Amino acid sequence: MSISTFLGPLEWAVSWIMVQFHSLFTALGLDPAGGASWTLSIVGLVIVIRILLIPLFVKQIRSQRGMQLLQPKIKELQQKYKNDRERQSQEMLKLYRETGTNPLASCLPILLQAPIFFALFRVLNGVANDNALGAMTQDLVDSAADATIFGAQISDTFLRADGTSTQVVAAVLIVLMSAAMFFTQRQLMTKNMPAASLEGPFAQQQKILLYLFPAIFLVTGINFPIGVLIYWTTTNIWSMFQQLYVIARMPAPGSLAEQRFNERKAKRSGAAGTGAAVVPTGSGTTTAADAGSAPDAGQVQRGQRVQPRRTTKGKRQPGGARKAPSGPRTKGR
């Protein structure tokens, strides 16, 4: 089976989604041959693919969490059967079956995106070579070939660029693409892994992948068309924020993210438990509970203006007003 036969349906699906988004943005008033319409079409393609991959992403998170929680048991098996590799492998496979954990599940989203990536690469490479593939007609190929973003044609590559503007745009996209991939993996290791999972073969494997995949994309990115770089940059940024959202709301047990999640939850519970109506005063505020706990209803609270009390003549203080005479006055002679 040739690669064209295998990727043919994917090429048609990828190009069809792009064409539909291009028609939408053209109907909204964007230039059909402009870089904005084609760039947004590629971004739309990313959104559709990422939404379709959400179930696999959830499965990936669960698989990673399961592998993290199994690390202490895996260490025990490795230590127990360190002199018997075959028995060690059998026991670890048995452990995976009993817990329903698949070590390869964490790689599924990346593996399933690889054929889509190659299909998109062939479609955009066909645009660069004036070759219509999939749902792209010759008119659409000509339109996409002339489309530019920041002075760079979306069908050009860093190595095949005619000017420095294309190389600058390609370099920026390559760096963003690799950096987003690096930080996505790094935040998983630093925030969402228990302390016990940061040691051992699994942790070493994660550290290798932390630098390996970004380095691969950093080196090979110079051969990708600008459109492919837009696709991978967008999908990596999507993955970074999607994982940040999951880590903040569904942290792995025993991780730093879980500790911070519990702290936020405790603060919210404490604020809800001590909440009371706030009574505004002159220069500050006091709660209704504070007001009700005053020992005397006439006690002055901070921030309130003191109102003078009315007193009768007989109760006036000696220093406040003239004292009433105690008897009749006699005129002196």
Protein backbone atom coordinates (compact mmCIF):
# COMPACT_ATOMS: atom_id res chain seq x y z
CA MET A 1 0.00 0.00 0.00
CA SER A 2 1.47 3.34 -1.05
CA ILE A 3 1.49 6.37 1.21
CA SER A 4 -0.88 8.18 -1.18
CA THR A 5 -3.43 5.40 -0.83
CA PHE A 6 -3.15 5.46 2.98
CA LEU A 7 -3.23 9.25 3.37
CA GLY A 8 -5.71 9.90 0.56
CA PRO A 9 -8.86 9.87 2.75
CA LEU A 10 -7.13 11.98 5.39
CA GLU A 11 -5.92 14.45 2.78
CA TRP A 12 -9.46 14.82 1.53
CA ALA A 13 -10.87 15.23 5.09
CA VAL A 14 -8.23 17.77 6.14
CA SER A 15 -8.52 19.80 2.97
CA TRP A 16 -12.35 19.66 3.08
CA ILE A 17 -12.42 21.13 6.60
CA MET A 18 -10.03 23.87 5.52
CA VAL A 19 -12.13 24.65 2.44
CA GLN A 20 -15.31 24.90 4.54
CA PHE A 21 -13.69 27.31 6.98
CA HIS A 22 -12.24 29.28 4.08
CA SER A 23 -15.71 29.62 2.58
CA LEU A 24 -17.04 30.77 5.96
CA PHE A 25 -14.41 33.45 6.45
CA THR A 26 -14.78 34.57 2.84
CA ALA A 27 -18.53 34.97 3.39
CA LEU A 28 -17.73 37.09 6.46
CA GLY A 29 -15.82 39.52 4.25
CA LEU A 30 -12.19 38.35 4.38
CA ASP A 31 -10.10 38.35 1.22
CA PRO A 32 -10.30 34.86 -0.36
CA ALA A 33 -6.65 35.10 -1.38
CA GLY A 34 -5.54 36.76 1.87
CA GLY A 35 -3.40 35.22 4.52
CA ALA A 36 -5.99 35.89 7.25
CA SER A 37 -8.66 33.69 5.66
CA TRP A 38 -6.28 30.77 5.09
CA THR A 39 -4.57 31.14 8.48
CA LEU A 40 -7.92 31.15 10.28
CA SER A 41 -8.94 28.14 8.21
CA ILE A 42 -5.94 26.24 9.55
CA VAL A 43 -6.77 27.38 13.11
CA GLY A 44 -10.34 26.17 12.56
CA LEU A 45 -8.95 22.81 11.46
CA VAL A 46 -6.99 22.61 14.73
CA ILE A 47 -10.10 23.37 16.80
CA VAL A 48 -12.12 20.65 15.06
CA ILE A 49 -9.36 18.07 15.51
CA ARG A 50 -8.74 18.96 19.14
CA ILE A 51 -12.44 18.71 19.97
CA LEU A 52 -12.55 15.27 18.35
CA LEU A 53 -9.50 14.24 20.40
CA ILE A 54 -10.96 15.30 23.78
CA PRO A 55 -12.01 11.70 24.70
CA LEU A 56 -8.48 10.51 23.93
CA PHE A 57 -7.04 13.41 25.91
CA VAL A 58 -9.11 12.40 28.94
CA LYS A 59 -7.90 8.82 28.50
CA GLN A 60 -4.33 10.11 28.27
CA ILE A 61 -4.69 12.05 31.54
CA ARG A 62 -6.13 9.00 33.31
CA SER A 63 -3.36 6.78 31.97
CA GLN A 64 -0.66 9.22 33.08
CA ARG A 65 -2.27 9.48 36.52
CA GLY A 66 -2.50 5.70 36.78
CA MET A 67 1.16 5.31 35.86
CA GLN A 68 2.12 7.90 38.47
CA LEU A 69 0.20 6.12 41.21
CA LEU A 70 1.72 2.76 40.23
CA GLN A 71 5.30 3.95 40.54
CA PRO A 72 5.81 2.72 44.15
CA LYS A 73 4.53 -0.75 43.21
CA ILE A 74 6.61 -0.77 40.04
CA LYS A 75 9.71 0.07 42.09
CA GLU A 76 8.94 -2.81 44.43
CA LEU A 77 8.65 -5.23 41.52
CA GLN A 78 11.85 -3.97 39.96
CA GLN A 79 13.68 -4.37 43.22
CA LYS A 80 12.16 -7.77 43.94
CA TYR A 81 12.90 -9.24 40.50
CA LYS A 82 15.99 -7.25 39.60
CA ASN A 83 17.86 -10.46 38.79
CA ASP A 84 15.01 -11.96 36.74
CA ARG A 85 14.03 -9.66 33.86
CA GLU A 86 11.50 -12.07 32.41
CA ARG A 87 9.64 -12.47 35.69
CA GLN A 88 9.82 -8.73 36.25
CA SER A 89 8.16 -8.06 32.88
CA GLN A 90 5.47 -10.65 33.57
CA GLU A 91 4.63 -9.16 36.96
CA MET A 92 4.51 -5.63 35.57
CA LEU A 93 2.17 -6.70 32.76
CA LYS A 94 0.01 -8.41 35.35
CA LEU A 95 -0.05 -5.20 37.40
CA TYR A 96 -1.10 -3.20 34.33
CA ARG A 97 -3.94 -5.64 33.61
CA GLU A 98 -5.21 -5.62 37.18
CA THR A 99 -5.25 -1.83 37.40
CA GLY A 100 -6.44 -1.25 33.82
CA THR A 101 -3.41 0.92 33.05
CA ASN A 102 -1.90 1.19 29.58
CA PRO A 103 1.57 2.80 29.41
CA LEU A 104 1.07 3.57 25.70
CA ALA A 105 -2.21 5.43 26.22
CA SER A 106 -0.36 8.65 27.07
CA CYS A 107 1.07 8.70 23.54
CA LEU A 108 -2.24 8.12 21.72
CA PRO A 109 -3.12 11.79 20.99
CA ILE A 110 0.31 12.42 19.50
CA LEU A 111 0.29 9.18 17.52
CA LEU A 112 -3.19 9.82 16.13
CA GLN A 113 -2.28 13.36 15.14
CA ALA A 114 0.75 12.18 13.18
CA PRO A 115 -1.25 10.97 10.11
CA ILE A 116 -3.28 14.21 10.19
CA PHE A 117 -0.03 16.15 10.30
CA PHE A 118 1.38 14.29 7.29
CA ALA A 119 -1.88 14.74 5.38
CA LEU A 120 -1.82 18.49 6.05
CA PHE A 121 1.86 18.60 5.11
CA ARG A 122 1.13 16.95 1.76
CA VAL A 123 -1.82 19.28 1.05
CA LEU A 124 0.23 22.42 1.79
CA ASN A 125 3.25 21.01 0.00
CA GLY A 126 0.96 20.43 -2.98
CA VAL A 127 -0.04 24.11 -2.79
CA ALA A 128 3.66 25.05 -2.95
CA ASN A 129 4.16 22.78 -5.96
CA ASP A 130 0.91 23.84 -7.70
CA ASN A 131 -0.61 20.41 -7.13
CA ALA A 132 -4.24 20.11 -6.01
CA LEU A 133 -4.87 17.37 -3.46
CA GLY A 134 -8.02 16.26 -1.68
CA ALA A 135 -10.84 18.82 -1.75
CA MET A 136 -8.53 21.60 -2.97
CA THR A 137 -9.39 22.73 -6.48
CA GLN A 138 -6.86 24.42 -8.73
CA ASP A 139 -8.41 27.82 -8.02
CA LEU A 140 -8.10 27.25 -4.29
CA VAL A 141 -4.50 26.09 -4.73
CA ASP A 142 -3.67 29.29 -6.59
CA SER A 143 -5.43 31.34 -3.90
CA ALA A 144 -3.59 29.62 -1.06
CA ALA A 145 -0.24 29.84 -2.85
CA ASP A 146 -0.52 33.63 -3.04
CA ALA A 147 -1.75 34.06 0.55
CA THR A 148 0.75 35.73 2.88
CA ILE A 149 0.94 36.29 6.64
CA PHE A 150 3.32 39.00 7.86
CA GLY A 151 4.93 38.95 4.42
CA ALA A 152 5.46 35.16 4.33
CA GLN A 153 3.59 32.85 2.00
CA ILE A 154 1.92 30.00 3.91
CA SER A 155 3.30 27.48 1.41
CA ASP A 156 6.95 28.55 1.90
CA THR A 157 9.44 26.95 4.28
CA PHE A 158 12.41 28.35 6.16
CA LEU A 159 14.86 26.68 3.77
CA ARG A 160 12.88 27.54 0.65
CA ALA A 161 12.22 31.16 1.56
CA ASP A 162 12.91 33.89 -1.00
CA GLY A 163 13.23 36.65 1.60
CA THR A 164 14.07 37.25 5.22
CA SER A 165 10.44 37.94 6.18
CA THR A 166 9.52 34.28 5.57
CA GLN A 167 12.53 33.10 7.56
CA VAL A 168 11.66 35.40 10.47
CA VAL A 169 8.02 34.24 10.55
CA ALA A 170 9.09 30.59 10.28
CA ALA A 171 11.68 31.01 13.05
CA VAL A 172 9.17 32.65 15.40
CA LEU A 173 6.61 29.90 14.77
CA ILE A 174 9.22 27.16 15.27
CA VAL A 175 10.29 28.65 18.61
CA LEU A 176 6.68 29.09 19.78
CA MET A 177 5.79 25.57 18.67
CA SER A 178 8.73 24.00 20.53
CA ALA A 179 8.36 26.20 23.63
CA ALA A 180 4.65 25.37 23.99
CA MET A 181 5.43 21.66 23.74
CA PHE A 182 8.21 21.98 26.33
CA PHE A 183 6.10 23.87 28.88
CA THR A 184 3.18 21.48 28.40
CA GLN A 185 5.34 18.54 29.44
CA ARG A 186 7.18 20.50 32.13
CA GLN A 187 4.04 21.66 33.94
CA LEU A 188 2.89 18.04 33.98
CA MET A 189 6.12 16.93 35.67
CA THR A 190 6.50 19.81 38.12
CA LYS A 191 2.86 20.29 39.16
CA ASN A 192 0.91 17.10 38.54
CA MET A 193 3.26 14.28 39.55
CA PRO A 194 3.61 12.88 43.08
CA ALA A 195 7.04 13.09 44.69
CA ALA A 196 7.45 9.32 44.41
CA SER A 197 6.95 9.52 40.64
CA LEU A 198 9.80 11.97 40.16
CA GLU A 199 12.34 9.18 40.61
CA GLY A 200 12.97 5.94 38.80
CA PRO A 201 12.83 4.82 35.14
CA PHE A 202 9.44 6.38 34.47
CA ALA A 203 10.65 9.79 35.66
CA GLN A 204 13.80 9.44 33.55
CA GLN A 205 11.66 8.62 30.53
CA GLN A 206 9.53 11.71 31.14
CA LYS A 207 12.63 13.89 31.46
CA ILE A 208 13.96 12.54 28.16
CA LEU A 209 10.66 13.27 26.41
CA LEU A 210 10.64 16.73 27.98
CA TYR A 211 13.63 17.70 25.84
CA LEU A 212 13.43 15.18 23.01
CA PHE A 213 10.16 16.17 21.30
CA PRO A 214 10.78 19.96 21.39
CA ALA A 215 14.30 19.38 20.04
CA ILE A 216 12.94 17.24 17.19
CA PHE A 217 10.41 19.90 16.20
CA LEU A 218 13.01 22.63 16.59
CA VAL A 219 15.33 20.89 14.11
CA THR A 220 12.79 19.55 11.64
CA GLY A 221 10.62 22.68 11.69
CA ILE A 222 12.81 24.38 9.11
CA ASN A 223 11.38 21.95 6.52
CA PHE A 224 7.72 22.62 7.37
CA PRO A 225 5.59 25.03 5.33
CA ILE A 226 4.36 28.09 7.21
CA GLY A 227 0.84 26.62 7.19
CA VAL A 228 2.04 23.45 8.93
CA LEU A 229 3.92 25.55 11.49
CA ILE A 230 0.70 27.49 12.15
CA TYR A 231 -1.10 24.20 12.68
CA TRP A 232 1.45 22.79 15.15
CA THR A 233 1.91 26.07 17.02
CA THR A 234 -1.85 26.40 17.48
CA THR A 235 -2.34 22.79 18.58
CA ASN A 236 0.59 22.94 21.04
CA ILE A 237 -0.72 26.15 22.61
CA TRP A 238 -4.17 24.54 22.83
CA SER A 239 -2.63 21.49 24.55
CA MET A 240 -0.75 23.67 27.02
CA PHE A 241 -3.83 25.56 28.20
CA GLN A 242 -6.02 22.45 28.09
CA GLN A 243 -3.62 20.59 30.34
CA LEU A 244 -3.29 23.62 32.63
CA TYR A 245 -7.08 23.60 33.01
CA VAL A 246 -7.14 19.87 33.80
CA ILE A 247 -4.27 20.12 36.30
CA ALA A 248 -5.99 22.97 38.15
CA ARG A 249 -9.32 21.12 38.46
CA MET A 250 -8.40 17.43 38.45
CA PRO A 251 -4.95 17.17 40.02
CA ALA A 252 -3.18 13.87 40.54
CA PRO A 253 -3.24 12.52 44.13
CA GLY A 254 -0.13 13.46 46.09
CA SER A 255 1.01 16.12 43.63
CA LEU A 256 1.77 19.80 44.17
CA ALA A 257 -1.30 20.64 42.10
CA GLU A 258 -3.49 18.65 44.52
CA GLN A 259 -1.97 20.51 47.48
CA ARG A 260 -2.78 23.88 45.90
CA PHE A 261 -6.23 22.63 44.89
CA ASN A 262 -6.98 21.68 48.51
CA GLU A 263 -5.70 25.05 49.72
CA ARG A 264 -8.02 26.88 47.33
CA LYS A 265 -10.89 24.64 48.35
CA ALA A 266 -10.22 25.29 52.05
CA LYS A 267 -10.12 29.04 51.48
CA ARG A 268 -13.43 28.94 49.64
CA SER A 269 -14.99 26.82 52.37
CA GLY A 270 -13.64 29.13 55.07
CA ALA A 271 -14.91 32.22 53.31
CA ALA A 272 -18.35 30.64 52.89
CA GLY A 273 -18.47 29.48 56.53
CA THR A 274 -17.57 32.86 58.03
CA GLY A 275 -19.50 35.01 55.63
CA ALA A 276 -21.88 37.54 57.19
CA ALA A 277 -23.77 40.61 56.16
CA VAL A 278 -21.56 43.64 56.02
CA VAL A 279 -22.92 46.79 57.60
CA PRO A 280 -21.36 49.96 56.20
CA THR A 281 -20.26 52.59 58.66
CA GLY A 282 -18.86 56.03 58.28
CA SER A 283 -15.24 55.31 57.44
CA GLY A 284 -15.14 51.50 57.49
CA THR A 285 -17.28 48.37 57.57
CA THR A 286 -18.38 45.97 60.26
CA THR A 287 -20.29 42.71 60.04
CA ALA A 288 -23.69 42.06 61.48
CA ALA A 289 -22.16 39.46 63.78
CA ASP A 290 -19.75 42.05 65.18
CA ALA A 291 -22.58 44.48 65.74
CA GLY A 292 -24.71 41.90 67.53
CA SER A 293 -21.86 40.89 69.82
CA ALA A 294 -21.49 44.33 71.36
CA PRO A 295 -21.99 44.23 75.14
CA ASP A 296 -24.07 47.43 75.19
CA ALA A 297 -26.48 48.61 72.55
CA GLY A 298 -25.28 52.12 73.16
CA GLN A 299 -21.62 51.23 72.78
CA VAL A 300 -19.90 53.26 70.13
CA GLN A 301 -18.53 51.21 67.22
CA ARG A 302 -15.54 52.26 65.27
CA GLY A 303 -16.36 54.42 62.32
CA GLN A 304 -19.73 55.62 63.66
CA ARG A 305 -20.42 59.23 64.56
CA VAL A 306 -21.09 59.82 68.28
CA GLN A 307 -24.48 61.43 68.85
CA PRO A 308 -24.77 63.67 71.99
CA ARG A 309 -27.26 62.62 74.62
CA ARG A 310 -29.85 65.04 75.93
CA THR A 311 -29.75 65.63 79.67
CA THR A 312 -32.10 67.40 82.04
CA LYS A 313 -31.07 70.52 83.89
CA GLY A 314 -30.82 68.62 87.13
CA LYS A 315 -28.40 66.08 85.71
CA ARG A 316 -26.02 68.49 84.06
CA GLN A 317 -22.42 68.13 85.09
CA PRO A 318 -20.76 70.87 87.17
CA GLY A 319 -18.26 71.64 84.44
CA GLY A 320 -20.77 71.74 81.66
CA ALA A 321 -23.16 74.61 82.63
CA ARG A 322 -23.98 77.05 85.40
CA LYS A 323 -25.26 75.50 88.62
CA ALA A 324 -28.82 76.29 89.65
CA PRO A 325 -29.11 78.53 92.82
CA SER A 326 -29.98 76.73 96.04
CA GLY A 327 -32.02 79.53 97.61
CA PRO A 328 -33.43 83.04 97.11
CA ARG A 329 -30.97 85.74 96.40
CA THR A 330 -30.93 88.79 98.72
CA LYS A 331 -29.92 92.17 97.67
CA GLY A 332 -27.01 93.44 99.64
CA ARG A 333 -27.25 96.69 101.46
